[in-house]
PDB file of N, CA and C in Angstrom:
ATOM      1  N   MET A   1       9.921  12.272  25.136  1.00  0.00           N
ATOM      2  CA  MET A   1       9.965  11.763  23.808  1.00  0.00           C
ATOM      3  C   MET A   1      10.846  12.485  22.895  1.00  0.00           C
ATOM      4  N   GLN A   2      11.565  11.690  22.113  1.00  0.00           N
ATOM      5  CA  GLN A   2      12.534  12.335  21.129  1.00  0.00           C
ATOM      6  C   GLN A   2      12.196  11.776  19.727  1.00  0.00           C
ATOM      7  N   VAL A   3      12.028  12.737  18.818  1.00  0.00           N
ATOM      8  CA  VAL A   3      11.760  12.412  17.465  1.00  0.00           C
ATOM      9  C   VAL A   3      13.015  12.511  16.632  1.00  0.00           C
ATOM     10  N   GLU A   4      13.172  11.460  15.890  1.00  0.00           N
ATOM     11  CA  GLU A   4      14.344  11.455  14.916  1.00  0.00           C
ATOM     12  C   GLU A   4      13.881  11.407  13.449  1.00  0.00           C
ATOM     13  N   VAL A   5      14.564  12.124  12.614  1.00  0.00           N
ATOM     14  CA  VAL A   5      14.183  12.124  11.225  1.00  0.00           C
ATOM     15  C   VAL A   5      15.349  11.679  10.455  1.00  0.00           C
ATOM     16  N   TYR A   6      15.113  10.744   9.583  1.00  0.00           N
ATOM     17  CA  TYR A   6      16.176  10.149   8.641  1.00  0.00           C
ATOM     18  C   TYR A   6      15.789  10.457   7.256  1.00  0.00           C
ATOM     19  N   GLU A   7      16.655  11.175   6.566  1.00  0.00           N
ATOM     20  CA  GLU A   7      16.429  11.553   5.201  1.00  0.00           C
ATOM     21  C   GLU A   7      17.081  10.514   4.288  1.00  0.00           C
ATOM     22  N   LEU A   8      16.245   9.668   3.698  1.00  0.00           N
ATOM     23  CA  LEU A   8      16.771   8.635   2.869  1.00  0.00           C
ATOM     24  C   LEU A   8      17.098   8.959   1.429  1.00  0.00           C
ATOM     25  N   ARG A   9      16.614  10.050   0.912  1.00  0.00           N
ATOM     26  CA  ARG A   9      16.901  10.499  -0.482  1.00  0.00           C
ATOM     27  C   ARG A   9      18.205  11.172  -0.484  1.00  0.00           C
ATOM     28  N   ASN A  10      18.920  10.972  -1.740  1.00  0.00           N
ATOM     29  CA  ASN A  10      20.162  11.637  -2.004  1.00  0.00           C
ATOM     30  C   ASN A  10      19.959  13.178  -2.156  1.00  0.00           C
ATOM     31  N   TYR A  11      18.784  13.614  -2.696  1.00  0.00           N
ATOM     32  CA  TYR A  11      18.540  14.984  -2.931  1.00  0.00           C
ATOM     33  C   TYR A  11      17.226  15.351  -2.343  1.00  0.00           C
ATOM     34  N   PRO A  12      17.130  16.439  -1.734  1.00  0.00           N
ATOM     35  CA  PRO A  12      15.763  16.981  -1.158  1.00  0.00           C
ATOM     36  C   PRO A  12      14.703  17.248  -2.230  1.00  0.00           C
ATOM     37  N   ARG A  13      13.528  16.955  -1.965  1.00  0.00           N
ATOM     38  CA  ARG A  13      12.406  17.262  -2.882  1.00  0.00           C
ATOM     39  C   ARG A  13      11.789  18.511  -2.494  1.00  0.00           C
ATOM     40  N   VAL A  14      11.370  19.417  -3.543  1.00  0.00           N
ATOM     41  CA  VAL A  14      10.810  20.676  -3.440  1.00  0.00           C
ATOM     42  C   VAL A  14       9.357  20.567  -3.744  1.00  0.00           C
ATOM     43  N   ALA A  15       8.530  20.938  -2.900  1.00  0.00           N
ATOM     44  CA  ALA A  15       7.077  20.909  -3.055  1.00  0.00           C
ATOM     45  C   ALA A  15       6.666  21.902  -4.197  1.00  0.00           C
ATOM     46  N   CYS A  16       5.693  21.640  -5.065  1.00  0.00           N
ATOM     47  CA  CYS A  16       5.294  22.591  -6.080  1.00  0.00           C
ATOM     48  C   CYS A  16       3.949  21.996  -6.610  1.00  0.00           C
ATOM     49  N   PHE A  17       3.324  22.737  -7.586  1.00  0.00           N
ATOM     50  CA  PHE A  17       2.107  22.384  -8.156  1.00  0.00           C
ATOM     51  C   PHE A  17       2.209  22.979  -9.664  1.00  0.00           C
ATOM     52  N   LEU A  18       2.599  21.997 -10.486  1.00  0.00           N
ATOM     53  CA  LEU A  18       2.800  22.527 -11.931  1.00  0.00           C
ATOM     54  C   LEU A  18       1.882  21.556 -12.813  1.00  0.00           C
ATOM     55  N   PRO A  19       0.979  22.173 -13.604  1.00  0.00           N
ATOM     56  CA  PRO A  19       0.301  21.395 -14.509  1.00  0.00           C
ATOM     57  C   PRO A  19       1.186  20.685 -15.593  1.00  0.00           C
ATOM     58  N   ALA A  20       0.900  19.335 -15.817  1.00  0.00           N
ATOM     59  CA  ALA A  20       1.703  18.642 -16.700  1.00  0.00           C
ATOM     60  C   ALA A  20       1.075  17.489 -17.396  1.00  0.00           C
ATOM     61  N   ARG A  21       1.707  16.960 -18.336  1.00  0.00           N
ATOM     62  CA  ARG A  21       1.245  15.750 -19.082  1.00  0.00           C
ATOM     63  C   ARG A  21       2.249  14.716 -19.181  1.00  0.00           C
ATOM     64  N   ALA A  22       1.910  13.468 -19.050  1.00  0.00           N
ATOM     65  CA  ALA A  22       2.823  12.324 -19.124  1.00  0.00           C
ATOM     66  C   ALA A  22       2.477  11.382 -20.205  1.00  0.00           C
ATOM     67  N   GLU A  23       3.422  10.909 -20.985  1.00  0.00           N
ATOM     68  CA  GLU A  23       3.119   9.927 -22.126  1.00  0.00           C
ATOM     69  C   GLU A  23       3.741   8.646 -21.705  1.00  0.00           C
ATOM     70  N   ILE A  24       2.859   7.618 -21.761  1.00  0.00           N
ATOM     71  CA  ILE A  24       3.348   6.236 -21.408  1.00  0.00           C
ATOM     72  C   ILE A  24       2.883   5.398 -22.476  1.00  0.00           C
ATOM     73  N   ASP A  25       3.572   4.723 -23.320  1.00  0.00           N
ATOM     74  CA  ASP A  25       3.287   3.871 -24.325  1.00  0.00           C
ATOM     75  C   ASP A  25       2.158   4.426 -25.377  1.00  0.00           C
ATOM     76  N   GLU A  26       2.369   5.631 -25.838  1.00  0.00           N
ATOM     77  CA  GLU A  26       1.482   6.503 -26.583  1.00  0.00           C
ATOM     78  C   GLU A  26       0.243   6.895 -26.015  1.00  0.00           C
ATOM     79  N   GLN A  27       0.061   6.626 -24.649  1.00  0.00           N
ATOM     80  CA  GLN A  27      -1.180   7.171 -23.907  1.00  0.00           C
ATOM     81  C   GLN A  27      -0.791   8.486 -23.329  1.00  0.00           C
ATOM     82  N   LEU A  28      -1.685   9.401 -23.383  1.00  0.00           N
ATOM     83  CA  LEU A  28      -1.510  10.783 -22.694  1.00  0.00           C
ATOM     84  C   LEU A  28      -2.224  10.899 -21.499  1.00  0.00           C
ATOM     85  N   PHE A  29      -1.548  11.304 -20.378  1.00  0.00           N
ATOM     86  CA  PHE A  29      -2.191  11.476 -19.143  1.00  0.00           C
ATOM     87  C   PHE A  29      -2.020  12.896 -18.687  1.00  0.00           C
ATOM     88  N   VAL A  30      -3.091  13.609 -18.242  1.00  0.00           N
ATOM     89  CA  VAL A  30      -3.067  14.993 -17.663  1.00  0.00           C
ATOM     90  C   VAL A  30      -3.073  14.890 -16.220  1.00  0.00           C
ATOM     91  N   GLY A  31      -2.147  15.737 -15.613  1.00  0.00           N
ATOM     92  CA  GLY A  31      -2.040  15.686 -14.104  1.00  0.00           C
ATOM     93  C   GLY A  31      -1.291  16.868 -13.693  1.00  0.00           C
ATOM     94  N   SER A  32      -0.495  16.730 -12.606  1.00  0.00           N
ATOM     95  CA  SER A  32       0.354  17.734 -12.083  1.00  0.00           C
ATOM     96  C   SER A  32       1.698  17.154 -11.502  1.00  0.00           C
ATOM     97  N   ILE A  33       2.682  17.992 -11.627  1.00  0.00           N
ATOM     98  CA  ILE A  33       3.909  17.711 -10.854  1.00  0.00           C
ATOM     99  C   ILE A  33       3.684  18.242  -9.357  1.00  0.00           C
ATOM    100  N   ILE A  34       3.884  17.467  -8.364  1.00  0.00           N
ATOM    101  CA  ILE A  34       3.614  17.911  -6.973  1.00  0.00           C
ATOM    102  C   ILE A  34       4.943  17.963  -6.293  1.00  0.00           C
ATOM    103  N   ASN A  35       6.029  17.509  -6.808  1.00  0.00           N
ATOM    104  CA  ASN A  35       7.340  17.822  -6.187  1.00  0.00           C
ATOM    105  C   ASN A  35       8.523  17.467  -7.075  1.00  0.00           C
ATOM    106  N   VAL A  36       9.655  18.049  -6.948  1.00  0.00           N
ATOM    107  CA  VAL A  36      10.774  17.902  -7.888  1.00  0.00           C
ATOM    108  C   VAL A  36      11.976  17.785  -7.000  1.00  0.00           C
ATOM    109  N   SER A  37      12.957  17.037  -7.573  1.00  0.00           N
ATOM    110  CA  SER A  37      14.280  17.054  -6.927  1.00  0.00           C
ATOM    111  C   SER A  37      15.280  16.996  -8.145  1.00  0.00           C
ATOM    112  N   ARG A  38      16.582  16.946  -7.753  1.00  0.00           N
ATOM    113  CA  ARG A  38      17.690  16.876  -8.786  1.00  0.00           C
ATOM    114  C   ARG A  38      17.478  15.703  -9.713  1.00  0.00           C
ATOM    115  N   THR A  39      16.983  14.651  -9.264  1.00  0.00           N
ATOM    116  CA  THR A  39      16.860  13.414 -10.052  1.00  0.00           C
ATOM    117  C   THR A  39      15.548  12.849 -10.394  1.00  0.00           C
ATOM    118  N   GLY A  40      14.545  13.587 -10.130  1.00  0.00           N
ATOM    119  CA  GLY A  40      13.168  13.211 -10.539  1.00  0.00           C
ATOM    120  C   GLY A  40      12.042  14.077 -10.178  1.00  0.00           C
ATOM    121  N   ALA A  41      10.912  13.668 -10.339  1.00  0.00           N
ATOM    122  CA  ALA A  41       9.750  14.424 -10.021  1.00  0.00           C
ATOM    123  C   ALA A  41       8.552  13.435  -9.684  1.00  0.00           C
ATOM    124  N   ARG A  42       7.550  13.928  -8.908  1.00  0.00           N
ATOM    125  CA  ARG A  42       6.323  13.164  -8.641  1.00  0.00           C
ATOM    126  C   ARG A  42       5.291  13.718  -9.452  1.00  0.00           C
ATOM    127  N   PHE A  43       4.732  12.872 -10.223  1.00  0.00           N
ATOM    128  CA  PHE A  43       3.522  13.252 -11.163  1.00  0.00           C
ATOM    129  C   PHE A  43       2.304  12.623 -10.639  1.00  0.00           C
ATOM    130  N   ALA A  44       1.266  13.387 -10.349  1.00  0.00           N
ATOM    131  CA  ALA A  44       0.010  12.899  -9.894  1.00  0.00           C
ATOM    132  C   ALA A  44      -1.112  13.130 -10.989  1.00  0.00           C
ATOM    133  N   ALA A  45      -1.771  12.006 -11.243  1.00  0.00           N
ATOM    134  CA  ALA A  45      -2.817  12.051 -12.200  1.00  0.00           C
ATOM    135  C   ALA A  45      -4.227  11.503 -11.509  1.00  0.00           C
ATOM    136  N   PRO A  46      -5.312  12.007 -11.715  1.00  0.00           N
ATOM    137  CA  PRO A  46      -6.515  11.603 -11.250  1.00  0.00           C
ATOM    138  C   PRO A  46      -7.125  10.289 -11.744  1.00  0.00           C
ATOM    139  N   SER A  47      -6.390   9.698 -12.624  1.00  0.00           N
ATOM    140  CA  SER A  47      -6.878   8.528 -13.354  1.00  0.00           C
ATOM    141  C   SER A  47      -6.211   7.286 -12.857  1.00  0.00           C
ATOM    142  N   ASP A  48      -7.172   6.288 -12.606  1.00  0.00           N
ATOM    143  CA  ASP A  48      -6.606   4.920 -12.252  1.00  0.00           C
ATOM    144  C   ASP A  48      -5.830   4.231 -13.387  1.00  0.00           C
ATOM    145  N   SER A  49      -6.140   4.592 -14.575  1.00  0.00           N
ATOM    146  CA  SER A  49      -5.493   4.015 -15.693  1.00  0.00           C
ATOM    147  C   SER A  49      -4.022   4.451 -15.797  1.00  0.00           C
ATOM    148  N   PHE A  50      -3.740   5.531 -15.201  1.00  0.00           N
ATOM    149  CA  PHE A  50      -2.328   5.999 -15.061  1.00  0.00           C
ATOM    150  C   PHE A  50      -1.500   5.113 -14.199  1.00  0.00           C
ATOM    151  N   THR A  51      -2.044   4.699 -13.170  1.00  0.00           N
ATOM    152  CA  THR A  51      -1.557   3.836 -12.128  1.00  0.00           C
ATOM    153  C   THR A  51      -1.278   2.411 -12.869  1.00  0.00           C
ATOM    154  N   ALA A  52      -2.243   1.945 -13.594  1.00  0.00           N
ATOM    155  CA  ALA A  52      -2.160   0.679 -14.283  1.00  0.00           C
ATOM    156  C   ALA A  52      -1.084   0.719 -15.270  1.00  0.00           C
ATOM    157  N   ALA A  53      -0.835   1.892 -15.882  1.00  0.00           N
ATOM    158  CA  ALA A  53       0.172   1.959 -17.016  1.00  0.00           C
ATOM    159  C   ALA A  53       1.559   1.926 -16.490  1.00  0.00           C
ATOM    160  N   LEU A  54       1.693   2.174 -15.166  1.00  0.00           N
ATOM    161  CA  LEU A  54       3.109   2.237 -14.517  1.00  0.00           C
ATOM    162  C   LEU A  54       3.494   0.872 -14.090  1.00  0.00           C
ATOM    163  N   VAL A  55       2.676  -0.158 -13.879  1.00  0.00           N
ATOM    164  CA  VAL A  55       2.917  -1.336 -13.329  1.00  0.00           C
ATOM    165  C   VAL A  55       4.228  -1.963 -13.763  1.00  0.00           C
ATOM    166  N   ASP A  56       4.567  -1.993 -14.961  1.00  0.00           N
ATOM    167  CA  ASP A  56       5.701  -2.635 -15.575  1.00  0.00           C
ATOM    168  C   ASP A  56       6.818  -1.669 -15.840  1.00  0.00           C
ATOM    169  N   ARG A  57       6.765  -0.364 -15.379  1.00  0.00           N
ATOM    170  CA  ARG A  57       7.715   0.567 -15.761  1.00  0.00           C
ATOM    171  C   ARG A  57       8.469   1.029 -14.567  1.00  0.00           C
ATOM    172  N   ILE A  58       8.751   0.247 -13.570  1.00  0.00           N
ATOM    173  CA  ILE A  58       9.637   0.709 -12.430  1.00  0.00           C
ATOM    174  C   ILE A  58      10.997   0.932 -13.052  1.00  0.00           C
ATOM    175  N   ASP A  59      11.623   2.049 -12.568  1.00  0.00           N
ATOM    176  CA  ASP A  59      12.955   2.502 -13.025  1.00  0.00           C
ATOM    177  C   ASP A  59      13.117   2.679 -14.440  1.00  0.00           C
ATOM    178  N   THR A  60      12.015   3.009 -15.172  1.00  0.00           N
ATOM    179  CA  THR A  60      11.982   3.332 -16.600  1.00  0.00           C
ATOM    180  C   THR A  60      11.687   4.793 -16.706  1.00  0.00           C
ATOM    181  N   PRO A  61      12.454   5.588 -17.446  1.00  0.00           N
ATOM    182  CA  PRO A  61      12.051   6.996 -17.715  1.00  0.00           C
ATOM    183  C   PRO A  61      10.836   7.197 -18.354  1.00  0.00           C
ATOM    184  N   ILE A  62       9.998   8.261 -17.882  1.00  0.00           N
ATOM    185  CA  ILE A  62       8.710   8.543 -18.648  1.00  0.00           C
ATOM    186  C   ILE A  62       8.771  10.037 -19.097  1.00  0.00           C
ATOM    187  N   HIS A  63       8.375  10.260 -20.323  1.00  0.00           N
ATOM    188  CA  HIS A  63       8.364  11.632 -20.855  1.00  0.00           C
ATOM    189  C   HIS A  63       7.299  12.485 -20.223  1.00  0.00           C
ATOM    190  N   ILE A  64       7.569  13.532 -19.551  1.00  0.00           N
ATOM    191  CA  ILE A  64       6.628  14.443 -18.917  1.00  0.00           C
ATOM    192  C   ILE A  64       6.828  15.966 -19.516  1.00  0.00           C
ATOM    193  N   ASP A  65       5.691  16.574 -19.946  1.00  0.00           N
ATOM    194  CA  ASP A  65       5.772  17.867 -20.415  1.00  0.00           C
ATOM    195  C   ASP A  65       5.157  18.737 -19.340  1.00  0.00           C
ATOM    196  N   ILE A  66       5.849  19.666 -18.982  1.00  0.00           N
ATOM    197  CA  ILE A  66       5.266  20.833 -17.931  1.00  0.00           C
ATOM    198  C   ILE A  66       4.775  21.960 -18.764  1.00  0.00           C
ATOM    199  N   GLN A  67       3.552  22.382 -18.429  1.00  0.00           N
ATOM    200  CA  GLN A  67       2.943  23.531 -19.156  1.00  0.00           C
ATOM    201  C   GLN A  67       3.444  24.795 -18.605  1.00  0.00           C
TER     202      GLN A  67
END
């Protein structure tokens, strides 16, 4: 058996865990940055309302403060 890996991202992601806050349409969400790359970051929040706030924001920048 042979395993092949295809990296589809332009820049590699670096795993991390940084406390952070995201603001979407004047709503503040508390969560964590769980990985970063040269062109973005993955923000995780324990709230379902965060996911709902993102529905219409595909490819739209979001302000994130890292503590």
